[in-house]
Amino acid sequence: MSRSTSSEPIERGWDVPWYRVRTEAFEASFLPSAGEDLDEVCNVDVFVALEDGSRWAPTVFTVAEVERLMKLWAGTDEAVGGRHFWVPDGLIVRVPGIDSMTGVIAGDPFRFW
């Protein structure tokens, strides 16, 4: 049995309403919608707690979700008619799913601060 590295989940599972993923370096608490397929999550709030006590609370979107929202807002007053997308502490990823998002956070969690 190999020892886990900081990017590999040590523990994961539901603590309703949270889906928590713990690694050696951080714990990520995702807040997906009820009944949402965890492999298809494309827009989710997450609270990341690093082992040094620092915290970060981004909203994670996929590129496809950003495009969908901008199209939805076209012709409305929201986001200047869908001409821009802005969210504080937003993180945009290519691939949907909690595992993919956790991998991005684990890739270099300190660069987001």
N, C-alpha and C. Protein backbone atom coordinates (compact mmCIF):
# COMPACT_ATOMS: atom_id res chain seq x y z
N MET A 1 0.84 -1.18 0.00
CA MET A 1 0.00 0.00 0.00
C MET A 1 0.89 1.24 0.00
N SER A 2 0.64 2.16 -0.90
CA SER A 2 1.47 3.35 -0.99
C SER A 2 0.92 4.47 -0.12
N ARG A 3 1.82 5.33 0.32
CA ARG A 3 1.44 6.47 1.13
C ARG A 3 0.86 7.53 0.22
N SER A 4 -0.19 8.21 0.67
CA SER A 4 -0.85 9.25 -0.12
C SER A 4 0.03 10.48 -0.22
N THR A 5 -0.01 11.13 -1.38
CA THR A 5 0.65 12.42 -1.52
C THR A 5 -0.39 13.50 -1.28
N SER A 6 0.05 14.75 -1.20
CA SER A 6 -0.86 15.84 -0.87
C SER A 6 -1.98 16.01 -1.89
N SER A 7 -1.81 15.54 -3.12
CA SER A 7 -2.85 15.74 -4.13
C SER A 7 -3.85 14.59 -4.20
N GLU A 8 -3.55 13.47 -3.53
CA GLU A 8 -4.45 12.33 -3.58
C GLU A 8 -5.44 12.39 -2.43
N PRO A 9 -6.73 12.17 -2.69
CA PRO A 9 -7.71 12.17 -1.59
C PRO A 9 -7.42 11.05 -0.59
N ILE A 10 -7.48 11.40 0.67
CA ILE A 10 -7.34 10.44 1.76
C ILE A 10 -8.73 9.96 2.14
N GLU A 11 -9.66 10.88 2.08
CA GLU A 11 -11.02 10.59 2.50
C GLU A 11 -11.97 11.45 1.67
N ARG A 12 -13.12 10.88 1.34
CA ARG A 12 -14.13 11.65 0.62
C ARG A 12 -15.49 11.07 0.95
N GLY A 13 -16.50 11.94 0.94
CA GLY A 13 -17.85 11.47 1.20
C GLY A 13 -18.78 12.58 1.63
N TRP A 14 -20.02 12.20 1.84
CA TRP A 14 -21.07 13.15 2.18
C TRP A 14 -21.09 13.46 3.66
N ASP A 15 -21.26 14.72 3.96
CA ASP A 15 -21.56 15.27 5.28
C ASP A 15 -22.65 16.30 4.97
N VAL A 16 -23.84 15.79 4.64
CA VAL A 16 -24.94 16.55 4.03
C VAL A 16 -25.10 17.90 4.72
N PRO A 17 -25.17 19.00 3.93
CA PRO A 17 -25.28 19.07 2.47
C PRO A 17 -23.93 19.11 1.75
N TRP A 18 -22.84 18.96 2.47
CA TRP A 18 -21.51 19.07 1.89
C TRP A 18 -21.02 17.74 1.34
N TYR A 19 -20.22 17.82 0.27
CA TYR A 19 -19.43 16.68 -0.17
C TYR A 19 -17.99 17.06 0.11
N ARG A 20 -17.35 16.34 1.02
CA ARG A 20 -16.02 16.72 1.48
C ARG A 20 -14.95 15.80 0.90
N VAL A 21 -13.83 16.43 0.51
CA VAL A 21 -12.66 15.70 0.02
C VAL A 21 -11.48 16.17 0.86
N ARG A 22 -10.81 15.22 1.51
CA ARG A 22 -9.66 15.57 2.34
C ARG A 22 -8.40 14.96 1.74
N THR A 23 -7.36 15.78 1.66
CA THR A 23 -6.04 15.35 1.24
C THR A 23 -5.08 15.69 2.37
N GLU A 24 -3.81 15.37 2.19
CA GLU A 24 -2.82 15.74 3.21
C GLU A 24 -2.67 17.26 3.30
N ALA A 25 -2.91 17.98 2.23
CA ALA A 25 -2.66 19.42 2.19
C ALA A 25 -3.89 20.28 2.48
N PHE A 26 -5.11 19.76 2.25
CA PHE A 26 -6.31 20.58 2.41
C PHE A 26 -7.55 19.72 2.53
N GLU A 27 -8.64 20.37 2.95
CA GLU A 27 -9.97 19.77 2.89
C GLU A 27 -10.83 20.69 2.05
N ALA A 28 -11.50 20.14 1.05
CA ALA A 28 -12.41 20.90 0.18
C ALA A 28 -13.83 20.44 0.48
N SER A 29 -14.68 21.39 0.82
CA SER A 29 -16.08 21.11 1.11
C SER A 29 -16.93 21.71 0.00
N PHE A 30 -17.45 20.84 -0.86
CA PHE A 30 -18.25 21.25 -2.01
C PHE A 30 -19.72 21.28 -1.63
N LEU A 31 -20.49 22.18 -2.25
CA LEU A 31 -21.92 22.31 -1.98
C LEU A 31 -22.70 22.11 -3.28
N PRO A 32 -22.76 20.87 -3.78
CA PRO A 32 -23.50 20.62 -5.03
C PRO A 32 -25.01 20.67 -4.78
N SER A 33 -25.77 20.80 -5.85
CA SER A 33 -27.23 20.78 -5.75
C SER A 33 -27.69 19.38 -5.36
N ALA A 34 -28.83 19.30 -4.70
CA ALA A 34 -29.38 18.00 -4.29
C ALA A 34 -29.58 17.12 -5.52
N GLY A 35 -29.09 15.89 -5.45
CA GLY A 35 -29.27 14.94 -6.54
C GLY A 35 -28.34 15.13 -7.72
N GLU A 36 -27.47 16.12 -7.69
CA GLU A 36 -26.56 16.38 -8.81
C GLU A 36 -25.51 15.28 -8.91
N ASP A 37 -25.25 14.81 -10.12
CA ASP A 37 -24.22 13.81 -10.38
C ASP A 37 -22.86 14.46 -10.12
N LEU A 38 -22.09 13.91 -9.20
CA LEU A 38 -20.81 14.51 -8.81
C LEU A 38 -19.81 14.55 -9.95
N ASP A 39 -19.97 13.67 -10.94
CA ASP A 39 -19.07 13.68 -12.11
C ASP A 39 -19.46 14.74 -13.13
N GLU A 40 -20.62 15.36 -12.96
CA GLU A 40 -21.11 16.36 -13.92
C GLU A 40 -21.20 17.76 -13.33
N VAL A 41 -20.77 17.96 -12.10
CA VAL A 41 -20.85 19.27 -11.45
C VAL A 41 -20.08 20.29 -12.29
N CYS A 42 -20.76 21.41 -12.62
CA CYS A 42 -20.13 22.41 -13.48
C CYS A 42 -20.20 23.83 -12.89
N ASN A 43 -20.83 23.97 -11.72
CA ASN A 43 -20.99 25.27 -11.08
C ASN A 43 -21.23 24.97 -9.61
N VAL A 44 -20.23 25.26 -8.76
CA VAL A 44 -20.35 24.85 -7.36
C VAL A 44 -19.54 25.76 -6.44
N ASP A 45 -20.09 26.02 -5.28
CA ASP A 45 -19.34 26.73 -4.24
C ASP A 45 -18.51 25.70 -3.49
N VAL A 46 -17.32 26.09 -3.09
CA VAL A 46 -16.43 25.19 -2.35
C VAL A 46 -15.67 26.00 -1.31
N PHE A 47 -15.49 25.41 -0.15
CA PHE A 47 -14.68 26.01 0.90
C PHE A 47 -13.45 25.15 1.05
N VAL A 48 -12.28 25.77 0.90
CA VAL A 48 -11.01 25.06 0.97
C VAL A 48 -10.29 25.50 2.23
N ALA A 49 -9.96 24.54 3.08
CA ALA A 49 -9.20 24.81 4.31
C ALA A 49 -7.86 24.11 4.20
N LEU A 50 -6.79 24.90 4.21
CA LEU A 50 -5.44 24.34 4.15
C LEU A 50 -4.99 23.94 5.55
N GLU A 51 -4.05 23.01 5.61
CA GLU A 51 -3.60 22.52 6.92
C GLU A 51 -2.91 23.61 7.74
N ASP A 52 -2.47 24.71 7.09
CA ASP A 52 -1.86 25.81 7.85
C ASP A 52 -2.90 26.74 8.46
N GLY A 53 -4.19 26.44 8.25
CA GLY A 53 -5.27 27.25 8.82
C GLY A 53 -5.84 28.28 7.87
N SER A 54 -5.19 28.53 6.74
CA SER A 54 -5.73 29.50 5.79
C SER A 54 -6.92 28.90 5.05
N ARG A 55 -7.78 29.77 4.55
CA ARG A 55 -9.02 29.33 3.90
C ARG A 55 -9.24 30.11 2.62
N TRP A 56 -10.02 29.50 1.74
CA TRP A 56 -10.37 30.12 0.46
C TRP A 56 -11.76 29.62 0.10
N ALA A 57 -12.62 30.48 -0.41
CA ALA A 57 -14.00 30.10 -0.73
C ALA A 57 -14.35 30.52 -2.16
N PRO A 58 -13.90 29.76 -3.15
CA PRO A 58 -14.24 30.10 -4.54
C PRO A 58 -15.56 29.49 -4.98
N THR A 59 -16.06 30.01 -6.08
CA THR A 59 -17.10 29.33 -6.85
C THR A 59 -16.39 28.79 -8.08
N VAL A 60 -16.56 27.51 -8.35
CA VAL A 60 -15.87 26.86 -9.46
C VAL A 60 -16.87 26.66 -10.61
N PHE A 61 -16.49 27.08 -11.79
CA PHE A 61 -17.30 26.95 -13.00
C PHE A 61 -16.49 26.23 -14.06
N THR A 62 -17.16 25.49 -14.93
CA THR A 62 -16.48 24.98 -16.11
C THR A 62 -16.57 26.06 -17.20
N VAL A 63 -15.70 25.94 -18.18
CA VAL A 63 -15.73 26.85 -19.32
C VAL A 63 -17.11 26.78 -20.00
N ALA A 64 -17.64 25.56 -20.15
CA ALA A 64 -18.95 25.38 -20.79
C ALA A 64 -20.06 26.05 -19.98
N GLU A 65 -19.97 26.01 -18.67
CA GLU A 65 -20.99 26.65 -17.82
C GLU A 65 -20.92 28.17 -17.95
N VAL A 66 -19.72 28.72 -18.02
CA VAL A 66 -19.59 30.17 -18.22
C VAL A 66 -20.23 30.56 -19.55
N GLU A 67 -19.96 29.80 -20.60
CA GLU A 67 -20.56 30.07 -21.92
C GLU A 67 -22.08 29.97 -21.86
N ARG A 68 -22.60 28.95 -21.18
CA ARG A 68 -24.05 28.78 -21.05
C ARG A 68 -24.68 29.98 -20.34
N LEU A 69 -24.06 30.42 -19.26
CA LEU A 69 -24.59 31.57 -18.52
C LEU A 69 -24.55 32.85 -19.34
N MET A 70 -23.45 33.06 -20.07
CA MET A 70 -23.35 34.27 -20.88
C MET A 70 -24.40 34.28 -21.99
N LYS A 71 -24.68 33.13 -22.58
CA LYS A 71 -25.74 33.04 -23.59
C LYS A 71 -27.10 33.29 -22.97
N LEU A 72 -27.32 32.74 -21.78
CA LEU A 72 -28.58 32.94 -21.07
C LEU A 72 -28.82 34.42 -20.78
N TRP A 73 -27.76 35.13 -20.44
CA TRP A 73 -27.88 36.54 -20.09
C TRP A 73 -27.94 37.46 -21.31
N ALA A 74 -27.63 36.96 -22.49
CA ALA A 74 -27.69 37.79 -23.71
C ALA A 74 -29.10 38.33 -23.87
N GLY A 75 -29.21 39.60 -24.15
CA GLY A 75 -30.51 40.23 -24.33
C GLY A 75 -31.19 40.60 -23.02
N THR A 76 -30.48 40.44 -21.91
CA THR A 76 -31.02 40.85 -20.61
C THR A 76 -30.14 41.96 -20.06
N ASP A 77 -30.50 42.44 -18.88
CA ASP A 77 -29.68 43.45 -18.22
C ASP A 77 -28.54 42.84 -17.40
N GLU A 78 -28.56 41.53 -17.26
CA GLU A 78 -27.53 40.88 -16.45
C GLU A 78 -26.21 40.81 -17.20
N ALA A 79 -25.13 41.19 -16.50
CA ALA A 79 -23.77 41.14 -17.04
C ALA A 79 -23.68 41.86 -18.38
N VAL A 80 -24.29 43.05 -18.44
CA VAL A 80 -24.29 43.87 -19.66
C VAL A 80 -24.72 43.04 -20.86
N GLY A 81 -25.86 42.39 -20.70
CA GLY A 81 -26.39 41.59 -21.80
C GLY A 81 -25.56 40.35 -22.10
N GLY A 82 -24.90 39.81 -21.08
CA GLY A 82 -24.10 38.62 -21.29
C GLY A 82 -22.77 38.87 -21.97
N ARG A 83 -22.34 40.12 -21.98
CA ARG A 83 -21.07 40.44 -22.65
C ARG A 83 -19.85 40.23 -21.78
N HIS A 84 -20.06 39.94 -20.49
CA HIS A 84 -18.92 39.64 -19.64
C HIS A 84 -19.33 38.66 -18.56
N PHE A 85 -18.35 38.09 -17.90
CA PHE A 85 -18.58 37.18 -16.78
C PHE A 85 -17.60 37.55 -15.69
N TRP A 86 -18.11 37.81 -14.52
CA TRP A 86 -17.25 38.17 -13.41
C TRP A 86 -17.86 37.63 -12.13
N VAL A 87 -17.03 37.07 -11.29
CA VAL A 87 -17.46 36.61 -9.98
C VAL A 87 -16.25 36.70 -9.05
N PRO A 88 -16.43 37.25 -7.84
CA PRO A 88 -15.29 37.31 -6.93
C PRO A 88 -14.88 35.88 -6.54
N ASP A 89 -13.60 35.66 -6.43
CA ASP A 89 -13.05 34.35 -6.07
C ASP A 89 -13.56 33.23 -6.96
N GLY A 90 -13.71 33.52 -8.24
CA GLY A 90 -14.13 32.51 -9.20
C GLY A 90 -12.93 31.72 -9.70
N LEU A 91 -13.17 30.47 -9.99
CA LEU A 91 -12.16 29.60 -10.57
C LEU A 91 -12.81 28.89 -11.74
N ILE A 92 -12.22 28.99 -12.92
CA ILE A 92 -12.77 28.36 -14.12
C ILE A 92 -11.89 27.18 -14.48
N VAL A 93 -12.55 26.03 -14.69
CA VAL A 93 -11.86 24.79 -15.04
C VAL A 93 -12.41 24.27 -16.35
N ARG A 94 -11.67 23.40 -17.01
CA ARG A 94 -12.12 22.83 -18.27
C ARG A 94 -13.08 21.66 -18.10
N VAL A 95 -12.79 20.79 -17.14
CA VAL A 95 -13.50 19.52 -17.03
C VAL A 95 -14.44 19.54 -15.83
N PRO A 96 -15.70 19.11 -16.01
CA PRO A 96 -16.64 19.08 -14.89
C PRO A 96 -16.32 17.97 -13.90
N GLY A 97 -16.93 18.05 -12.73
CA GLY A 97 -16.84 16.99 -11.74
C GLY A 97 -16.01 17.36 -10.53
N ILE A 98 -16.43 16.83 -9.40
CA ILE A 98 -15.74 17.09 -8.13
C ILE A 98 -14.30 16.59 -8.17
N ASP A 99 -14.06 15.40 -8.73
CA ASP A 99 -12.69 14.88 -8.80
C ASP A 99 -11.79 15.78 -9.62
N SER A 100 -12.29 16.24 -10.76
CA SER A 100 -11.51 17.13 -11.61
C SER A 100 -11.20 18.44 -10.90
N MET A 101 -12.20 18.99 -10.25
CA MET A 101 -12.02 20.27 -9.55
C MET A 101 -11.05 20.12 -8.39
N THR A 102 -11.15 19.00 -7.67
CA THR A 102 -10.21 18.74 -6.58
C THR A 102 -8.79 18.65 -7.11
N GLY A 103 -8.62 18.01 -8.26
CA GLY A 103 -7.29 17.91 -8.88
C GLY A 103 -6.72 19.27 -9.24
N VAL A 104 -7.55 20.17 -9.71
CA VAL A 104 -7.08 21.53 -10.04
C VAL A 104 -6.65 22.24 -8.76
N ILE A 105 -7.47 22.16 -7.72
CA ILE A 105 -7.12 22.80 -6.45
C ILE A 105 -5.82 22.20 -5.91
N ALA A 106 -5.67 20.89 -5.99
CA ALA A 106 -4.48 20.22 -5.48
C ALA A 106 -3.24 20.55 -6.30
N GLY A 107 -3.43 20.92 -7.57
CA GLY A 107 -2.31 21.20 -8.45
C GLY A 107 -1.40 22.27 -7.93
N ASP A 108 -1.95 23.31 -7.37
CA ASP A 108 -1.17 24.39 -6.79
C ASP A 108 -2.12 25.29 -6.00
N PRO A 109 -2.58 24.86 -4.83
CA PRO A 109 -3.57 25.63 -4.10
C PRO A 109 -3.08 27.00 -3.67
N PHE A 110 -1.78 27.22 -3.53
CA PHE A 110 -1.30 28.49 -3.02
C PHE A 110 -1.32 29.61 -4.06
N ARG A 111 -1.40 29.28 -5.33
CA ARG A 111 -1.37 30.33 -6.35
C ARG A 111 -2.67 31.13 -6.39
N PHE A 112 -3.72 30.67 -5.72
CA PHE A 112 -5.01 31.36 -5.78
C PHE A 112 -5.15 32.43 -4.73
N TRP A 113 -4.21 32.53 -3.82
CA TRP A 113 -4.33 33.50 -2.73
C TRP A 113 -3.65 34.78 -3.09
